Amino acid sequence: MTAPIYVVTLAEALPAHLKLVTDKLHELADLSRMSEGCLRFDIYCDTDQPCRFNTIELWATREDHQRHIDSPLLFKTISSLFGKMAGMPQVRVLSPISVLED
């Protein structure tokens, strides 16, 4: 059995575009949650720096995540944010080595 993977992304909106970026991230989360293999897709805003966002994603397999990365949905969303973000997002793909079981 393949272990799920977690993906953590840090991105920062330019202050002048905060509302647009927030709206696009909500849209991305809603659509991503419908993607095959997406078990969770949550977005968090930094309490002290509201232009900073983290996504925490859980995918059934690395292949499911790669399919998401290659999707027109993600390309369209990222393209719409060019010039509205403070640099490129930092993406980390994580494999669990120790997790709390339910």
N, C-alpha and C. Protein backbone atom coordinates (compact mmCIF):
# COMPACT_ATOMS: atom_id res chain seq x y z
N MET A 1 0.84 -1.18 0.00
CA MET A 1 0.00 0.00 0.00
C MET A 1 0.89 1.24 0.00
N THR A 2 0.54 2.22 -0.81
CA THR A 2 1.28 3.46 -0.91
C THR A 2 0.81 4.42 0.17
N ALA A 3 1.78 5.04 0.85
CA ALA A 3 1.44 6.01 1.89
C ALA A 3 1.02 7.32 1.24
N PRO A 4 0.09 8.03 1.85
CA PRO A 4 -0.28 9.34 1.32
C PRO A 4 0.88 10.31 1.46
N ILE A 5 0.83 11.39 0.71
CA ILE A 5 1.84 12.44 0.83
C ILE A 5 1.17 13.74 1.25
N TYR A 6 1.94 14.52 1.93
CA TYR A 6 1.50 15.84 2.36
C TYR A 6 2.26 16.88 1.55
N VAL A 7 1.60 17.96 1.22
CA VAL A 7 2.25 19.04 0.49
C VAL A 7 1.97 20.33 1.26
N VAL A 8 3.03 21.04 1.58
CA VAL A 8 2.93 22.31 2.29
C VAL A 8 3.50 23.38 1.38
N THR A 9 2.72 24.40 1.13
CA THR A 9 3.15 25.50 0.26
C THR A 9 3.04 26.82 1.01
N LEU A 10 4.10 27.61 0.91
CA LEU A 10 4.11 28.96 1.48
C LEU A 10 4.11 29.94 0.32
N ALA A 11 3.17 30.85 0.33
CA ALA A 11 3.07 31.88 -0.72
C ALA A 11 2.73 33.21 -0.06
N GLU A 12 3.16 34.29 -0.70
CA GLU A 12 2.89 35.61 -0.14
C GLU A 12 2.33 36.53 -1.22
N ALA A 13 1.18 37.10 -0.92
CA ALA A 13 0.53 38.04 -1.83
C ALA A 13 1.13 39.43 -1.65
N LEU A 14 1.17 40.17 -2.73
CA LEU A 14 1.50 41.58 -2.61
C LEU A 14 0.30 42.27 -1.96
N PRO A 15 0.54 43.18 -1.01
CA PRO A 15 -0.59 43.79 -0.28
C PRO A 15 -1.67 44.37 -1.17
N ALA A 16 -1.31 44.97 -2.28
CA ALA A 16 -2.31 45.59 -3.17
C ALA A 16 -3.23 44.56 -3.82
N HIS A 17 -2.83 43.29 -3.80
CA HIS A 17 -3.60 42.24 -4.47
C HIS A 17 -4.15 41.20 -3.50
N LEU A 18 -4.15 41.52 -2.22
CA LEU A 18 -4.54 40.54 -1.20
C LEU A 18 -5.93 39.97 -1.43
N LYS A 19 -6.90 40.79 -1.73
CA LYS A 19 -8.28 40.30 -1.94
C LYS A 19 -8.35 39.35 -3.13
N LEU A 20 -7.74 39.72 -4.25
CA LEU A 20 -7.76 38.85 -5.43
C LEU A 20 -7.07 37.52 -5.15
N VAL A 21 -5.92 37.57 -4.51
CA VAL A 21 -5.19 36.34 -4.20
C VAL A 21 -6.01 35.45 -3.27
N THR A 22 -6.61 36.04 -2.26
CA THR A 22 -7.44 35.27 -1.34
C THR A 22 -8.59 34.59 -2.08
N ASP A 23 -9.26 35.33 -2.95
CA ASP A 23 -10.36 34.75 -3.74
C ASP A 23 -9.88 33.60 -4.61
N LYS A 24 -8.73 33.78 -5.27
CA LYS A 24 -8.20 32.72 -6.15
C LYS A 24 -7.81 31.49 -5.35
N LEU A 25 -7.25 31.68 -4.16
CA LEU A 25 -6.88 30.53 -3.33
C LEU A 25 -8.12 29.77 -2.85
N HIS A 26 -9.19 30.49 -2.52
CA HIS A 26 -10.45 29.82 -2.15
C HIS A 26 -10.96 28.99 -3.33
N GLU A 27 -10.92 29.57 -4.51
CA GLU A 27 -11.36 28.87 -5.71
C GLU A 27 -10.50 27.63 -5.96
N LEU A 28 -9.18 27.79 -5.83
CA LEU A 28 -8.27 26.67 -6.03
C LEU A 28 -8.55 25.55 -5.03
N ALA A 29 -8.77 25.90 -3.78
CA ALA A 29 -9.05 24.89 -2.76
C ALA A 29 -10.34 24.13 -3.08
N ASP A 30 -11.38 24.86 -3.42
CA ASP A 30 -12.66 24.21 -3.73
C ASP A 30 -12.54 23.24 -4.89
N LEU A 31 -11.85 23.66 -5.95
CA LEU A 31 -11.70 22.80 -7.12
C LEU A 31 -10.74 21.65 -6.86
N SER A 32 -9.67 21.91 -6.11
CA SER A 32 -8.70 20.85 -5.80
C SER A 32 -9.32 19.75 -4.98
N ARG A 33 -10.22 20.11 -4.08
CA ARG A 33 -10.87 19.11 -3.24
C ARG A 33 -11.70 18.12 -4.05
N MET A 34 -12.05 18.50 -5.27
CA MET A 34 -12.81 17.60 -6.15
C MET A 34 -11.89 16.72 -7.00
N SER A 35 -10.58 16.97 -6.95
CA SER A 35 -9.63 16.21 -7.77
C SER A 35 -9.45 14.81 -7.23
N GLU A 36 -9.26 13.88 -8.14
CA GLU A 36 -9.02 12.49 -7.77
C GLU A 36 -7.80 12.40 -6.86
N GLY A 37 -7.96 11.75 -5.73
CA GLY A 37 -6.84 11.52 -4.83
C GLY A 37 -6.62 12.62 -3.81
N CYS A 38 -7.36 13.72 -3.90
CA CYS A 38 -7.21 14.79 -2.92
C CYS A 38 -7.99 14.41 -1.67
N LEU A 39 -7.28 14.24 -0.57
CA LEU A 39 -7.92 13.88 0.69
C LEU A 39 -8.18 15.11 1.56
N ARG A 40 -7.35 16.14 1.40
CA ARG A 40 -7.52 17.42 2.10
C ARG A 40 -6.82 18.51 1.32
N PHE A 41 -7.36 19.70 1.38
CA PHE A 41 -6.71 20.87 0.79
C PHE A 41 -7.17 22.06 1.63
N ASP A 42 -6.32 22.47 2.55
CA ASP A 42 -6.66 23.54 3.48
C ASP A 42 -5.74 24.73 3.26
N ILE A 43 -6.27 25.92 3.48
CA ILE A 43 -5.49 27.15 3.33
C ILE A 43 -5.52 27.89 4.65
N TYR A 44 -4.35 28.35 5.04
CA TYR A 44 -4.21 29.10 6.28
C TYR A 44 -3.55 30.44 5.99
N CYS A 45 -3.96 31.44 6.72
CA CYS A 45 -3.37 32.78 6.64
C CYS A 45 -2.52 32.98 7.89
N ASP A 46 -1.35 33.55 7.71
CA ASP A 46 -0.46 33.85 8.84
C ASP A 46 -1.12 34.91 9.72
N THR A 47 -1.24 34.64 10.99
CA THR A 47 -1.91 35.54 11.92
C THR A 47 -1.22 36.90 12.00
N ASP A 48 0.10 36.90 11.98
CA ASP A 48 0.85 38.14 12.12
C ASP A 48 1.16 38.82 10.79
N GLN A 49 1.12 38.07 9.69
CA GLN A 49 1.41 38.62 8.37
C GLN A 49 0.34 38.14 7.40
N PRO A 50 -0.78 38.87 7.32
CA PRO A 50 -1.96 38.40 6.59
C PRO A 50 -1.76 38.22 5.08
N CYS A 51 -0.66 38.68 4.53
CA CYS A 51 -0.40 38.44 3.10
C CYS A 51 0.27 37.09 2.87
N ARG A 52 0.66 36.41 3.94
CA ARG A 52 1.30 35.10 3.81
C ARG A 52 0.28 33.99 3.99
N PHE A 53 0.34 33.04 3.08
CA PHE A 53 -0.59 31.91 3.08
C PHE A 53 0.18 30.60 3.10
N ASN A 54 -0.40 29.61 3.73
CA ASN A 54 0.10 28.25 3.66
C ASN A 54 -1.03 27.37 3.18
N THR A 55 -0.73 26.50 2.25
CA THR A 55 -1.67 25.43 1.93
C THR A 55 -1.10 24.16 2.54
N ILE A 56 -1.98 23.36 3.08
CA ILE A 56 -1.60 22.05 3.59
C ILE A 56 -2.53 21.07 2.89
N GLU A 57 -1.89 20.23 2.08
CA GLU A 57 -2.63 19.30 1.24
C GLU A 57 -2.29 17.87 1.63
N LEU A 58 -3.24 16.99 1.45
CA LEU A 58 -3.02 15.57 1.66
C LEU A 58 -3.54 14.85 0.42
N TRP A 59 -2.63 14.10 -0.21
CA TRP A 59 -2.95 13.38 -1.44
C TRP A 59 -2.76 11.88 -1.21
N ALA A 60 -3.63 11.09 -1.80
CA ALA A 60 -3.59 9.64 -1.62
C ALA A 60 -2.26 9.06 -2.12
N THR A 61 -1.78 9.58 -3.24
CA THR A 61 -0.52 9.09 -3.80
C THR A 61 0.26 10.25 -4.41
N ARG A 62 1.52 10.04 -4.63
CA ARG A 62 2.35 11.04 -5.30
C ARG A 62 1.86 11.26 -6.74
N GLU A 63 1.36 10.20 -7.35
CA GLU A 63 0.83 10.31 -8.71
C GLU A 63 -0.40 11.22 -8.76
N ASP A 64 -1.27 11.11 -7.75
CA ASP A 64 -2.44 11.99 -7.69
C ASP A 64 -1.99 13.45 -7.57
N HIS A 65 -0.99 13.69 -6.74
CA HIS A 65 -0.49 15.06 -6.60
C HIS A 65 0.14 15.54 -7.91
N GLN A 66 0.89 14.69 -8.58
CA GLN A 66 1.52 15.08 -9.84
C GLN A 66 0.47 15.41 -10.90
N ARG A 67 -0.60 14.63 -10.92
CA ARG A 67 -1.70 14.90 -11.85
C ARG A 67 -2.30 16.29 -11.56
N HIS A 68 -2.41 16.62 -10.29
CA HIS A 68 -2.89 17.94 -9.89
C HIS A 68 -1.92 19.03 -10.37
N ILE A 69 -0.63 18.82 -10.16
CA ILE A 69 0.40 19.78 -10.58
C ILE A 69 0.33 20.01 -12.09
N ASP A 70 0.09 18.96 -12.84
CA ASP A 70 0.05 19.04 -14.30
C ASP A 70 -1.29 19.52 -14.86
N SER A 71 -2.27 19.76 -13.99
CA SER A 71 -3.62 20.05 -14.46
C SER A 71 -3.76 21.47 -14.99
N PRO A 72 -4.65 21.65 -15.97
CA PRO A 72 -4.96 22.99 -16.46
C PRO A 72 -5.50 23.90 -15.35
N LEU A 73 -6.20 23.33 -14.38
CA LEU A 73 -6.74 24.09 -13.26
C LEU A 73 -5.62 24.82 -12.53
N LEU A 74 -4.58 24.10 -12.18
CA LEU A 74 -3.49 24.72 -11.43
C LEU A 74 -2.75 25.73 -12.30
N PHE A 75 -2.52 25.39 -13.56
CA PHE A 75 -1.84 26.31 -14.47
C PHE A 75 -2.62 27.61 -14.60
N LYS A 76 -3.92 27.50 -14.77
CA LYS A 76 -4.77 28.70 -14.93
C LYS A 76 -4.72 29.57 -13.67
N THR A 77 -4.81 28.95 -12.50
CA THR A 77 -4.79 29.71 -11.26
C THR A 77 -3.45 30.39 -11.05
N ILE A 78 -2.38 29.66 -11.22
CA ILE A 78 -1.05 30.23 -11.03
C ILE A 78 -0.79 31.34 -12.04
N SER A 79 -1.19 31.13 -13.27
CA SER A 79 -1.01 32.16 -14.29
C SER A 79 -1.74 33.45 -13.92
N SER A 80 -2.91 33.32 -13.33
CA SER A 80 -3.69 34.50 -12.97
C SER A 80 -3.07 35.28 -11.81
N LEU A 81 -2.11 34.67 -11.12
CA LEU A 81 -1.49 35.32 -9.97
C LEU A 81 -0.12 35.93 -10.27
N PHE A 82 0.37 35.77 -11.51
CA PHE A 82 1.65 36.39 -11.87
C PHE A 82 1.58 37.89 -11.65
N GLY A 83 2.60 38.43 -11.00
CA GLY A 83 2.64 39.86 -10.73
C GLY A 83 1.86 40.28 -9.50
N LYS A 84 1.19 39.33 -8.87
CA LYS A 84 0.38 39.63 -7.69
C LYS A 84 0.95 39.00 -6.43
N MET A 85 2.02 38.22 -6.62
CA MET A 85 2.66 37.50 -5.52
C MET A 85 4.06 38.05 -5.28
N ALA A 86 4.52 37.94 -4.05
CA ALA A 86 5.88 38.35 -3.69
C ALA A 86 6.81 37.16 -3.92
N GLY A 87 7.14 36.90 -5.16
CA GLY A 87 8.02 35.78 -5.49
C GLY A 87 7.27 34.48 -5.74
N MET A 88 8.05 33.45 -5.99
CA MET A 88 7.49 32.13 -6.27
C MET A 88 7.12 31.42 -4.97
N PRO A 89 6.06 30.64 -4.98
CA PRO A 89 5.70 29.87 -3.78
C PRO A 89 6.78 28.85 -3.46
N GLN A 90 6.92 28.55 -2.20
CA GLN A 90 7.82 27.49 -1.74
C GLN A 90 6.96 26.25 -1.50
N VAL A 91 7.28 25.18 -2.20
CA VAL A 91 6.49 23.95 -2.12
C VAL A 91 7.35 22.85 -1.53
N ARG A 92 6.80 22.17 -0.55
CA ARG A 92 7.49 21.03 0.05
C ARG A 92 6.56 19.82 -0.01
N VAL A 93 7.07 18.73 -0.58
CA VAL A 93 6.32 17.48 -0.63
C VAL A 93 6.89 16.59 0.47
N LEU A 94 6.03 16.14 1.37
CA LEU A 94 6.46 15.42 2.57
C LEU A 94 5.87 14.01 2.60
N SER A 95 6.67 13.08 3.02
CA SER A 95 6.22 11.71 3.27
C SER A 95 6.24 11.48 4.77
N PRO A 96 5.18 10.93 5.32
CA PRO A 96 5.14 10.73 6.78
C PRO A 96 6.14 9.66 7.23
N ILE A 97 6.82 9.96 8.35
CA ILE A 97 7.66 8.94 8.96
C ILE A 97 7.17 8.62 10.37
N SER A 98 6.39 9.55 10.94
CA SER A 98 5.80 9.32 12.25
C SER A 98 4.54 10.16 12.32
N VAL A 99 3.40 9.50 12.46
CA VAL A 99 2.14 10.22 12.53
C VAL A 99 1.31 9.68 13.69
N LEU A 100 0.44 10.53 14.19
CA LEU A 100 -0.48 10.15 15.25
C LEU A 100 -1.64 9.38 14.63
N GLU A 101 -1.85 8.20 15.06
CA GLU A 101 -2.96 7.38 14.54
C GLU A 101 -4.24 7.71 15.30
N ASP A 102 -5.36 7.66 14.59
CA ASP A 102 -6.67 7.89 15.24
C ASP A 102 -7.04 6.72 16.10
